[in-house]
N, C-alpha and C. Protein backbone atom coordinates (compact mmCIF):
# COMPACT_ATOMS: atom_id res chain seq x y z
N MET A 1 -4.35 8.93 18.56
CA MET A 1 -3.42 8.69 17.48
C MET A 1 -2.10 9.36 17.77
N SER A 2 -1.07 8.78 17.23
CA SER A 2 0.27 9.32 17.40
C SER A 2 0.66 10.12 16.16
N LEU A 3 0.08 11.31 16.05
CA LEU A 3 0.36 12.19 14.93
C LEU A 3 0.81 13.54 15.45
N PRO A 4 1.66 14.25 14.73
CA PRO A 4 2.23 13.86 13.46
C PRO A 4 3.28 12.76 13.63
N ALA A 5 3.47 12.03 12.54
CA ALA A 5 4.46 10.95 12.51
C ALA A 5 5.32 11.12 11.27
N VAL A 6 6.60 10.87 11.42
CA VAL A 6 7.52 10.92 10.28
C VAL A 6 8.02 9.50 10.03
N PHE A 7 7.79 9.04 8.81
CA PHE A 7 8.18 7.68 8.43
C PHE A 7 9.69 7.62 8.17
N THR A 8 10.32 6.56 8.70
CA THR A 8 11.75 6.37 8.43
C THR A 8 11.99 5.02 7.77
N ARG A 9 11.69 3.92 8.49
CA ARG A 9 11.99 2.59 7.95
C ARG A 9 11.29 1.54 8.80
N LEU A 10 10.86 0.47 8.14
CA LEU A 10 10.29 -0.69 8.82
C LEU A 10 11.04 -1.92 8.31
N VAL A 11 11.48 -2.76 9.24
CA VAL A 11 12.30 -3.92 8.87
C VAL A 11 11.60 -5.21 9.28
N GLY A 12 11.48 -6.13 8.33
CA GLY A 12 10.92 -7.45 8.58
C GLY A 12 11.96 -8.52 8.30
N PRO A 13 11.57 -9.78 8.42
CA PRO A 13 12.53 -10.87 8.18
C PRO A 13 13.11 -10.88 6.77
N ARG A 14 12.27 -10.59 5.76
CA ARG A 14 12.76 -10.64 4.38
C ARG A 14 12.62 -9.34 3.62
N VAL A 15 11.84 -8.41 4.13
CA VAL A 15 11.67 -7.14 3.42
C VAL A 15 11.90 -5.96 4.35
N THR A 16 12.26 -4.86 3.73
CA THR A 16 12.40 -3.58 4.42
C THR A 16 11.58 -2.56 3.66
N LEU A 17 10.87 -1.73 4.39
CA LEU A 17 10.16 -0.60 3.80
C LEU A 17 10.93 0.65 4.17
N ASP A 18 11.34 1.39 3.16
CA ASP A 18 12.01 2.65 3.44
C ASP A 18 11.66 3.68 2.37
N PRO A 19 11.99 4.95 2.60
CA PRO A 19 11.61 5.99 1.65
C PRO A 19 12.24 5.76 0.27
N LEU A 20 11.53 6.23 -0.74
CA LEU A 20 12.07 6.21 -2.09
C LEU A 20 13.34 7.05 -2.16
N ARG A 21 14.27 6.62 -3.01
CA ARG A 21 15.54 7.34 -3.20
C ARG A 21 15.71 7.64 -4.70
N PRO A 22 16.52 8.62 -5.04
CA PRO A 22 16.76 8.92 -6.46
C PRO A 22 17.25 7.72 -7.26
N ASP A 23 18.03 6.83 -6.65
CA ASP A 23 18.54 5.67 -7.40
C ASP A 23 17.49 4.58 -7.60
N ASP A 24 16.26 4.81 -7.15
CA ASP A 24 15.16 3.87 -7.41
C ASP A 24 14.50 4.11 -8.76
N ILE A 25 14.99 5.08 -9.52
CA ILE A 25 14.32 5.47 -10.77
C ILE A 25 14.20 4.30 -11.76
N GLU A 26 15.24 3.50 -11.94
CA GLU A 26 15.18 2.45 -12.96
C GLU A 26 14.13 1.38 -12.62
N PRO A 27 14.17 0.78 -11.42
CA PRO A 27 13.13 -0.22 -11.14
C PRO A 27 11.74 0.38 -11.01
N LEU A 28 11.64 1.62 -10.51
CA LEU A 28 10.33 2.26 -10.41
C LEU A 28 9.76 2.50 -11.81
N TYR A 29 10.61 2.95 -12.72
CA TYR A 29 10.17 3.14 -14.10
C TYR A 29 9.78 1.81 -14.74
N ALA A 30 10.58 0.78 -14.52
CA ALA A 30 10.25 -0.54 -15.08
C ALA A 30 8.87 -1.00 -14.58
N MET A 31 8.58 -0.75 -13.31
CA MET A 31 7.32 -1.19 -12.72
C MET A 31 6.16 -0.34 -13.23
N GLN A 32 6.31 0.98 -13.17
CA GLN A 32 5.18 1.87 -13.50
C GLN A 32 4.96 2.05 -15.00
N SER A 33 5.86 1.54 -15.82
CA SER A 33 5.67 1.62 -17.27
C SER A 33 5.21 0.28 -17.85
N ASP A 34 5.11 -0.74 -17.02
CA ASP A 34 4.73 -2.08 -17.47
C ASP A 34 3.20 -2.18 -17.59
N PRO A 35 2.70 -2.42 -18.80
CA PRO A 35 1.24 -2.49 -18.98
C PRO A 35 0.57 -3.56 -18.10
N GLU A 36 1.24 -4.67 -17.88
CA GLU A 36 0.64 -5.73 -17.06
C GLU A 36 0.57 -5.29 -15.59
N VAL A 37 1.60 -4.63 -15.09
CA VAL A 37 1.58 -4.12 -13.71
C VAL A 37 0.48 -3.07 -13.57
N CYS A 38 0.32 -2.23 -14.57
CA CYS A 38 -0.65 -1.12 -14.50
C CYS A 38 -2.08 -1.55 -14.82
N ARG A 39 -2.26 -2.78 -15.21
CA ARG A 39 -3.57 -3.26 -15.67
C ARG A 39 -4.71 -2.89 -14.72
N TYR A 40 -4.51 -3.07 -13.41
CA TYR A 40 -5.57 -2.82 -12.44
C TYR A 40 -5.36 -1.54 -11.64
N LEU A 41 -4.40 -0.72 -12.05
CA LEU A 41 -4.13 0.53 -11.34
C LEU A 41 -4.95 1.67 -11.94
N LEU A 42 -4.98 2.79 -11.26
CA LEU A 42 -5.76 3.93 -11.71
C LEU A 42 -5.09 4.71 -12.83
N TYR A 43 -3.87 4.34 -13.20
CA TYR A 43 -3.17 5.07 -14.25
C TYR A 43 -2.66 4.12 -15.33
N GLU A 44 -2.48 4.70 -16.51
CA GLU A 44 -1.89 3.99 -17.64
C GLU A 44 -0.39 3.87 -17.40
N PRO A 45 0.30 3.01 -18.15
CA PRO A 45 1.76 2.96 -18.03
C PRO A 45 2.36 4.36 -18.18
N ARG A 46 3.31 4.66 -17.33
CA ARG A 46 3.86 6.01 -17.26
C ARG A 46 5.14 6.16 -18.08
N THR A 47 5.34 7.38 -18.56
CA THR A 47 6.59 7.71 -19.24
C THR A 47 7.69 7.88 -18.21
N ARG A 48 8.93 7.85 -18.66
CA ARG A 48 10.05 8.06 -17.75
C ARG A 48 9.96 9.44 -17.08
N GLU A 49 9.56 10.44 -17.83
CA GLU A 49 9.44 11.79 -17.28
C GLU A 49 8.40 11.82 -16.16
N LYS A 50 7.27 11.15 -16.38
CA LYS A 50 6.23 11.11 -15.36
C LYS A 50 6.73 10.37 -14.12
N VAL A 51 7.46 9.27 -14.30
CA VAL A 51 7.98 8.51 -13.16
C VAL A 51 9.00 9.34 -12.39
N GLU A 52 9.82 10.12 -13.09
CA GLU A 52 10.77 11.01 -12.40
C GLU A 52 10.02 12.03 -11.55
N GLU A 53 8.93 12.58 -12.09
CA GLU A 53 8.10 13.53 -11.35
C GLU A 53 7.47 12.87 -10.12
N VAL A 54 6.92 11.67 -10.31
CA VAL A 54 6.29 10.93 -9.22
C VAL A 54 7.32 10.55 -8.15
N LEU A 55 8.50 10.14 -8.57
CA LEU A 55 9.56 9.79 -7.62
C LEU A 55 9.91 10.99 -6.74
N ALA A 56 10.11 12.15 -7.34
CA ALA A 56 10.44 13.34 -6.56
C ALA A 56 9.33 13.69 -5.57
N ARG A 57 8.09 13.61 -6.03
CA ARG A 57 6.94 13.91 -5.17
C ARG A 57 6.82 12.91 -4.03
N ASP A 58 6.85 11.62 -4.37
CA ASP A 58 6.61 10.58 -3.37
C ASP A 58 7.77 10.40 -2.41
N ALA A 59 9.00 10.67 -2.84
CA ALA A 59 10.16 10.57 -1.95
C ALA A 59 10.05 11.59 -0.82
N ALA A 60 9.42 12.70 -1.10
CA ALA A 60 9.27 13.76 -0.09
C ALA A 60 8.09 13.53 0.85
N ALA A 61 7.22 12.61 0.52
CA ALA A 61 6.01 12.34 1.32
C ALA A 61 6.37 11.39 2.47
N LEU A 62 6.77 11.96 3.60
CA LEU A 62 7.22 11.16 4.74
C LEU A 62 6.49 11.50 6.03
N ARG A 63 5.62 12.48 6.00
CA ARG A 63 4.97 12.96 7.22
C ARG A 63 3.47 12.72 7.15
N LEU A 64 2.94 12.13 8.21
CA LEU A 64 1.50 11.92 8.35
C LEU A 64 0.99 12.80 9.47
N ALA A 65 0.08 13.71 9.14
CA ALA A 65 -0.48 14.59 10.16
C ALA A 65 -1.95 14.88 9.93
N GLU A 66 -2.37 14.94 8.68
CA GLU A 66 -3.75 15.31 8.37
C GLU A 66 -4.24 14.55 7.15
N PRO A 67 -5.56 14.51 6.95
CA PRO A 67 -6.10 13.78 5.81
C PRO A 67 -5.44 14.24 4.51
N GLY A 68 -5.13 13.26 3.67
CA GLY A 68 -4.46 13.56 2.41
C GLY A 68 -2.96 13.32 2.48
N ASP A 69 -2.39 13.28 3.68
CA ASP A 69 -0.98 12.94 3.81
C ASP A 69 -0.82 11.46 3.50
N TYR A 70 0.26 11.12 2.84
CA TYR A 70 0.45 9.73 2.43
C TYR A 70 1.93 9.35 2.47
N LEU A 71 2.16 8.05 2.43
CA LEU A 71 3.49 7.47 2.31
C LEU A 71 3.49 6.56 1.10
N GLN A 72 4.64 6.47 0.43
CA GLN A 72 4.79 5.54 -0.68
C GLN A 72 6.18 4.89 -0.54
N PRO A 73 6.38 4.11 0.54
CA PRO A 73 7.71 3.53 0.74
C PRO A 73 8.03 2.41 -0.24
N THR A 74 9.31 2.22 -0.46
CA THR A 74 9.74 1.10 -1.29
C THR A 74 9.64 -0.19 -0.49
N ILE A 75 9.53 -1.27 -1.22
CA ILE A 75 9.70 -2.61 -0.65
C ILE A 75 11.04 -3.10 -1.17
N ARG A 76 11.94 -3.43 -0.26
CA ARG A 76 13.25 -3.97 -0.66
C ARG A 76 13.35 -5.39 -0.12
N ASP A 77 13.94 -6.27 -0.92
CA ASP A 77 14.09 -7.66 -0.50
C ASP A 77 15.27 -7.82 0.45
N GLU A 78 15.56 -9.06 0.82
CA GLU A 78 16.63 -9.32 1.80
C GLU A 78 18.01 -8.89 1.31
N HIS A 79 18.15 -8.62 0.01
CA HIS A 79 19.43 -8.14 -0.54
C HIS A 79 19.46 -6.63 -0.69
N GLY A 80 18.35 -5.99 -0.34
CA GLY A 80 18.27 -4.54 -0.46
C GLY A 80 17.81 -4.06 -1.83
N ASP A 81 17.39 -5.00 -2.68
CA ASP A 81 16.94 -4.63 -4.02
C ASP A 81 15.49 -4.16 -4.01
N PHE A 82 15.21 -3.15 -4.79
CA PHE A 82 13.86 -2.62 -4.97
C PHE A 82 13.00 -3.70 -5.62
N ILE A 83 11.85 -4.02 -4.98
CA ILE A 83 10.95 -5.00 -5.58
C ILE A 83 9.51 -4.47 -5.68
N GLY A 84 9.26 -3.27 -5.16
CA GLY A 84 7.92 -2.71 -5.26
C GLY A 84 7.73 -1.53 -4.34
N THR A 85 6.47 -1.13 -4.22
CA THR A 85 6.13 -0.02 -3.32
C THR A 85 4.86 -0.36 -2.55
N MET A 86 4.76 0.22 -1.39
CA MET A 86 3.54 0.19 -0.59
C MET A 86 2.91 1.57 -0.68
N TYR A 87 1.69 1.69 -0.20
CA TYR A 87 0.97 2.95 -0.22
C TYR A 87 0.15 3.04 1.06
N LEU A 88 0.22 4.18 1.72
CA LEU A 88 -0.60 4.45 2.89
C LEU A 88 -1.10 5.87 2.81
N ASP A 89 -2.42 6.04 2.75
CA ASP A 89 -3.04 7.36 2.62
C ASP A 89 -3.91 7.59 3.86
N LEU A 90 -3.58 8.62 4.61
CA LEU A 90 -4.36 8.96 5.80
C LEU A 90 -5.67 9.61 5.35
N LYS A 91 -6.78 8.90 5.55
CA LYS A 91 -8.08 9.37 5.08
C LYS A 91 -8.81 10.23 6.09
N SER A 92 -8.72 9.88 7.39
CA SER A 92 -9.41 10.65 8.41
C SER A 92 -8.65 10.55 9.74
N VAL A 93 -8.43 11.70 10.35
CA VAL A 93 -7.83 11.72 11.68
C VAL A 93 -8.91 11.44 12.73
N ASP A 94 -10.07 12.07 12.56
CA ASP A 94 -11.15 11.87 13.52
C ASP A 94 -11.59 10.41 13.59
N ASP A 95 -11.67 9.76 12.45
CA ASP A 95 -12.10 8.37 12.40
C ASP A 95 -10.93 7.39 12.44
N ARG A 96 -9.71 7.93 12.50
CA ARG A 96 -8.49 7.11 12.58
C ARG A 96 -8.47 6.04 11.48
N THR A 97 -8.60 6.51 10.23
CA THR A 97 -8.74 5.62 9.08
C THR A 97 -7.70 5.93 8.02
N ALA A 98 -7.20 4.86 7.37
CA ALA A 98 -6.25 5.01 6.27
C ALA A 98 -6.52 3.96 5.21
N GLU A 99 -6.02 4.23 4.02
CA GLU A 99 -6.09 3.28 2.91
C GLU A 99 -4.69 2.73 2.66
N ILE A 100 -4.61 1.45 2.33
CA ILE A 100 -3.35 0.78 2.08
C ILE A 100 -3.36 0.18 0.66
N GLY A 101 -2.18 0.08 0.06
CA GLY A 101 -2.07 -0.54 -1.25
C GLY A 101 -0.65 -1.01 -1.50
N TRP A 102 -0.46 -1.74 -2.59
CA TRP A 102 0.86 -2.32 -2.90
C TRP A 102 0.98 -2.54 -4.40
N ILE A 103 2.23 -2.48 -4.87
CA ILE A 103 2.57 -2.80 -6.26
C ILE A 103 3.93 -3.50 -6.22
N LEU A 104 4.03 -4.61 -6.93
CA LEU A 104 5.30 -5.35 -6.99
C LEU A 104 5.76 -5.53 -8.43
N LEU A 105 7.08 -5.58 -8.60
CA LEU A 105 7.64 -5.96 -9.88
C LEU A 105 7.20 -7.40 -10.19
N PRO A 106 6.94 -7.73 -11.43
CA PRO A 106 6.50 -9.08 -11.76
C PRO A 106 7.42 -10.18 -11.23
N ALA A 107 8.73 -9.98 -11.27
CA ALA A 107 9.66 -11.02 -10.81
C ALA A 107 9.55 -11.28 -9.31
N ALA A 108 8.99 -10.33 -8.56
CA ALA A 108 8.88 -10.48 -7.10
C ALA A 108 7.51 -11.01 -6.67
N GLN A 109 6.58 -11.12 -7.61
CA GLN A 109 5.22 -11.54 -7.27
C GLN A 109 5.17 -13.04 -6.98
N GLY A 110 4.23 -13.41 -6.11
CA GLY A 110 4.00 -14.81 -5.80
C GLY A 110 5.01 -15.43 -4.85
N ARG A 111 5.78 -14.60 -4.15
CA ARG A 111 6.82 -15.11 -3.25
C ARG A 111 6.61 -14.68 -1.80
N GLY A 112 5.46 -14.07 -1.50
CA GLY A 112 5.14 -13.68 -0.14
C GLY A 112 5.67 -12.32 0.27
N TYR A 113 6.35 -11.61 -0.63
CA TYR A 113 6.90 -10.31 -0.28
C TYR A 113 5.81 -9.28 0.01
N ALA A 114 4.77 -9.26 -0.80
CA ALA A 114 3.69 -8.28 -0.60
C ALA A 114 3.01 -8.51 0.74
N ALA A 115 2.79 -9.78 1.11
CA ALA A 115 2.15 -10.08 2.39
C ALA A 115 3.01 -9.60 3.55
N GLU A 116 4.30 -9.86 3.48
CA GLU A 116 5.18 -9.41 4.57
C GLU A 116 5.23 -7.89 4.65
N ALA A 117 5.33 -7.25 3.49
CA ALA A 117 5.38 -5.78 3.47
C ALA A 117 4.07 -5.19 4.01
N ALA A 118 2.95 -5.76 3.59
CA ALA A 118 1.65 -5.26 4.06
C ALA A 118 1.49 -5.47 5.57
N ARG A 119 1.96 -6.59 6.08
CA ARG A 119 1.89 -6.82 7.54
C ARG A 119 2.75 -5.80 8.29
N LEU A 120 3.92 -5.49 7.76
CA LEU A 120 4.76 -4.46 8.39
C LEU A 120 4.03 -3.12 8.43
N LEU A 121 3.40 -2.77 7.32
CA LEU A 121 2.72 -1.47 7.27
C LEU A 121 1.46 -1.48 8.13
N LEU A 122 0.74 -2.58 8.17
CA LEU A 122 -0.42 -2.66 9.06
C LEU A 122 0.00 -2.57 10.53
N ALA A 123 1.08 -3.21 10.90
CA ALA A 123 1.59 -3.10 12.27
C ALA A 123 1.93 -1.64 12.58
N TYR A 124 2.54 -0.96 11.65
CA TYR A 124 2.85 0.47 11.82
C TYR A 124 1.56 1.27 12.00
N CYS A 125 0.56 0.97 11.18
CA CYS A 125 -0.73 1.68 11.25
C CYS A 125 -1.38 1.53 12.63
N PHE A 126 -1.46 0.29 13.08
CA PHE A 126 -2.19 0.04 14.32
C PHE A 126 -1.33 0.22 15.57
N ASP A 127 -0.13 -0.32 15.56
CA ASP A 127 0.71 -0.30 16.76
C ASP A 127 1.40 1.04 16.99
N ASP A 128 1.83 1.69 15.92
CA ASP A 128 2.57 2.94 16.06
C ASP A 128 1.69 4.18 15.90
N LEU A 129 0.84 4.17 14.88
CA LEU A 129 0.01 5.35 14.63
C LEU A 129 -1.28 5.36 15.44
N GLY A 130 -1.75 4.19 15.84
CA GLY A 130 -2.99 4.12 16.60
C GLY A 130 -4.24 4.24 15.74
N LEU A 131 -4.16 3.77 14.50
CA LEU A 131 -5.34 3.82 13.65
C LEU A 131 -6.40 2.84 14.14
N HIS A 132 -7.64 3.11 13.77
CA HIS A 132 -8.77 2.24 14.11
C HIS A 132 -9.12 1.30 12.97
N ARG A 133 -8.94 1.79 11.73
CA ARG A 133 -9.41 1.05 10.56
C ARG A 133 -8.49 1.31 9.38
N VAL A 134 -8.16 0.23 8.66
CA VAL A 134 -7.37 0.34 7.42
C VAL A 134 -8.10 -0.44 6.35
N TYR A 135 -8.23 0.16 5.18
CA TYR A 135 -8.92 -0.52 4.09
C TYR A 135 -8.11 -0.48 2.81
N ALA A 136 -8.46 -1.38 1.90
CA ALA A 136 -7.87 -1.43 0.56
C ALA A 136 -9.01 -1.39 -0.45
N GLU A 137 -8.86 -0.57 -1.46
CA GLU A 137 -9.80 -0.56 -2.57
C GLU A 137 -9.07 -1.07 -3.80
N LEU A 138 -9.71 -1.99 -4.53
CA LEU A 138 -9.02 -2.60 -5.66
C LEU A 138 -10.00 -3.09 -6.70
N ASP A 139 -9.46 -3.36 -7.86
CA ASP A 139 -10.26 -3.95 -8.93
C ASP A 139 -10.49 -5.42 -8.56
N PRO A 140 -11.72 -5.86 -8.43
CA PRO A 140 -11.99 -7.23 -8.00
C PRO A 140 -11.47 -8.29 -8.97
N ARG A 141 -11.10 -7.90 -10.19
CA ARG A 141 -10.52 -8.86 -11.13
C ARG A 141 -9.06 -9.17 -10.79
N ASN A 142 -8.49 -8.38 -9.89
CA ASN A 142 -7.09 -8.58 -9.49
C ASN A 142 -7.07 -9.68 -8.41
N ASP A 143 -7.08 -10.91 -8.87
CA ASP A 143 -7.17 -12.06 -7.96
C ASP A 143 -6.06 -12.09 -6.92
N ALA A 144 -4.85 -11.71 -7.30
CA ALA A 144 -3.72 -11.75 -6.37
C ALA A 144 -3.93 -10.77 -5.22
N SER A 145 -4.41 -9.57 -5.53
CA SER A 145 -4.64 -8.59 -4.46
C SER A 145 -5.82 -8.96 -3.58
N VAL A 146 -6.86 -9.52 -4.18
CA VAL A 146 -7.99 -10.01 -3.39
C VAL A 146 -7.51 -11.08 -2.41
N ALA A 147 -6.73 -12.04 -2.92
CA ALA A 147 -6.21 -13.12 -2.06
C ALA A 147 -5.32 -12.58 -0.96
N LEU A 148 -4.53 -11.56 -1.27
CA LEU A 148 -3.67 -10.96 -0.25
C LEU A 148 -4.51 -10.29 0.84
N CYS A 149 -5.52 -9.56 0.46
CA CYS A 149 -6.40 -8.95 1.47
C CYS A 149 -6.95 -10.00 2.42
N LEU A 150 -7.41 -11.10 1.88
CA LEU A 150 -7.97 -12.16 2.71
C LEU A 150 -6.90 -12.79 3.61
N ARG A 151 -5.69 -13.00 3.09
CA ARG A 151 -4.59 -13.55 3.92
C ARG A 151 -4.24 -12.60 5.06
N LEU A 152 -4.40 -11.31 4.83
CA LEU A 152 -4.10 -10.32 5.86
C LEU A 152 -5.19 -10.22 6.92
N GLY A 153 -6.28 -10.93 6.71
CA GLY A 153 -7.39 -10.89 7.66
C GLY A 153 -8.38 -9.78 7.38
N MET A 154 -8.28 -9.18 6.21
CA MET A 154 -9.21 -8.12 5.84
C MET A 154 -10.53 -8.76 5.40
N ARG A 155 -11.60 -8.12 5.77
CA ARG A 155 -12.93 -8.61 5.42
C ARG A 155 -13.39 -7.91 4.16
N HIS A 156 -14.10 -8.66 3.30
CA HIS A 156 -14.70 -8.08 2.10
C HIS A 156 -15.91 -7.27 2.52
N GLU A 157 -15.88 -5.98 2.33
CA GLU A 157 -16.96 -5.13 2.80
C GLU A 157 -17.90 -4.65 1.70
N GLY A 158 -17.42 -4.67 0.49
CA GLY A 158 -18.31 -4.19 -0.55
C GLY A 158 -17.78 -4.44 -1.94
N HIS A 159 -18.72 -4.52 -2.85
CA HIS A 159 -18.41 -4.66 -4.27
C HIS A 159 -19.27 -3.62 -4.98
N PHE A 160 -18.63 -2.60 -5.50
CA PHE A 160 -19.33 -1.50 -6.15
C PHE A 160 -19.28 -1.72 -7.65
N VAL A 161 -20.43 -1.96 -8.24
CA VAL A 161 -20.55 -2.35 -9.64
C VAL A 161 -20.47 -1.12 -10.55
N GLU A 162 -19.56 -1.19 -11.51
CA GLU A 162 -19.38 -0.15 -12.51
C GLU A 162 -19.40 1.25 -11.90
N ASP A 163 -18.62 1.43 -10.86
CA ASP A 163 -18.63 2.74 -10.18
C ASP A 163 -17.55 3.67 -10.69
N MET A 164 -16.73 3.22 -11.65
CA MET A 164 -15.65 4.06 -12.13
C MET A 164 -15.44 3.80 -13.63
N PHE A 165 -15.37 4.88 -14.40
CA PHE A 165 -15.04 4.74 -15.82
C PHE A 165 -13.54 4.92 -15.92
N LEU A 166 -12.84 3.85 -16.25
CA LEU A 166 -11.38 3.84 -16.19
C LEU A 166 -10.82 3.11 -17.40
N LYS A 167 -9.89 3.75 -18.06
CA LYS A 167 -9.20 3.14 -19.21
C LYS A 167 -10.18 2.64 -20.26
N GLY A 168 -11.22 3.44 -20.50
CA GLY A 168 -12.15 3.14 -21.57
C GLY A 168 -13.25 2.15 -21.24
N GLU A 169 -13.40 1.79 -19.96
CA GLU A 169 -14.45 0.84 -19.59
C GLU A 169 -14.96 1.13 -18.18
N TRP A 170 -16.18 0.68 -17.93
CA TRP A 170 -16.73 0.74 -16.57
C TRP A 170 -16.10 -0.37 -15.76
N THR A 171 -15.56 -0.02 -14.60
CA THR A 171 -14.92 -1.03 -13.76
C THR A 171 -15.56 -1.05 -12.38
N ASP A 172 -15.49 -2.21 -11.76
CA ASP A 172 -15.99 -2.40 -10.40
C ASP A 172 -14.89 -2.08 -9.40
N THR A 173 -15.27 -1.85 -8.17
CA THR A 173 -14.33 -1.64 -7.08
C THR A 173 -14.71 -2.56 -5.94
N GLY A 174 -13.72 -3.25 -5.39
CA GLY A 174 -13.92 -4.04 -4.19
C GLY A 174 -13.27 -3.33 -3.01
N ARG A 175 -13.89 -3.46 -1.85
CA ARG A 175 -13.31 -2.86 -0.65
C ARG A 175 -13.13 -3.94 0.41
N TYR A 176 -11.93 -3.95 1.00
CA TYR A 176 -11.56 -4.88 2.06
C TYR A 176 -11.03 -4.04 3.21
N ALA A 177 -11.32 -4.46 4.45
CA ALA A 177 -10.89 -3.66 5.59
C ALA A 177 -10.58 -4.53 6.80
N ILE A 178 -9.79 -3.96 7.69
CA ILE A 178 -9.48 -4.61 8.96
C ILE A 178 -9.48 -3.53 10.04
N LEU A 179 -10.01 -3.88 11.20
CA LEU A 179 -10.06 -2.97 12.34
C LEU A 179 -8.89 -3.25 13.29
N GLU A 180 -8.59 -2.27 14.10
CA GLU A 180 -7.51 -2.41 15.09
C GLU A 180 -7.72 -3.63 15.98
N ARG A 181 -8.94 -3.84 16.47
CA ARG A 181 -9.20 -4.98 17.36
C ARG A 181 -9.04 -6.31 16.62
N GLU A 182 -9.38 -6.34 15.34
CA GLU A 182 -9.19 -7.56 14.55
C GLU A 182 -7.71 -7.84 14.33
N TRP A 183 -6.95 -6.78 14.06
CA TRP A 183 -5.50 -6.92 13.90
C TRP A 183 -4.88 -7.42 15.21
N ALA A 184 -5.29 -6.82 16.31
CA ALA A 184 -4.77 -7.21 17.62
C ALA A 184 -5.11 -8.66 17.92
N GLY A 185 -6.32 -9.08 17.57
CA GLY A 185 -6.73 -10.46 17.80
C GLY A 185 -5.91 -11.45 17.00
N ARG A 186 -5.53 -11.07 15.79
CA ARG A 186 -4.69 -11.93 14.96
C ARG A 186 -3.27 -12.03 15.53
N ARG A 187 -2.86 -10.99 16.25
CA ARG A 187 -1.52 -10.95 16.80
C ARG A 187 -1.50 -11.36 18.27
N GLY A 188 -2.69 -11.55 18.86
CA GLY A 188 -2.76 -11.96 20.26
C GLY A 188 -2.47 -10.85 21.25
N THR A 189 -2.74 -9.59 20.84
CA THR A 189 -2.54 -8.45 21.73
C THR A 189 -3.82 -7.64 21.84
N ALA A 190 -3.94 -6.90 22.88
CA ALA A 190 -5.14 -6.05 23.07
C ALA A 190 -4.95 -4.74 22.31
N PRO A 191 -6.01 -4.20 21.71
CA PRO A 191 -5.90 -2.93 21.02
C PRO A 191 -5.67 -1.79 21.98
N VAL A 192 -5.03 -0.75 21.47
CA VAL A 192 -4.79 0.46 22.24
C VAL A 192 -6.08 1.26 22.29
N ALA A 193 -6.44 1.78 23.44
CA ALA A 193 -7.70 2.55 23.58
C ALA A 193 -7.61 3.88 22.88
């Protein structure tokens, strides 16, 4: 693995992933306070004060070196506007494993931005960091995220029934994953040893 690594920016045809900035507060607050956006997330809609706290914390999270280190880069569209965030949590250095996730503003959903952003981050995971495995855990009722996992070539690995008491109800968790060799096969390149 290529650790430690400091995240700077990833650029795709229509989206850019870069660190959170103080001027992201308004769209970040709009996203994280929206009950519909938060429906399948682990947290309730957040107050402005909580989003300010989260922004300060996550903007500083740029280094991956050990388990628990994470990134929460913004997703910006072709005009440079904030449209969401990605998530990458380094779960194991020994097993070269990380978790990935995404959240988009409602106006940006259904336009392929999440898929492009996730592909950029997966390429970073496998091509730059040398990870072996990346997975996503999500509420299986979130049809859009399930469909995105499948479009990314992630395999459905498990459905955990009522494994979490969240927001007043027992919820299921779905797990989707992709290996370095599977990613390389989709891209037509050999995995790094």
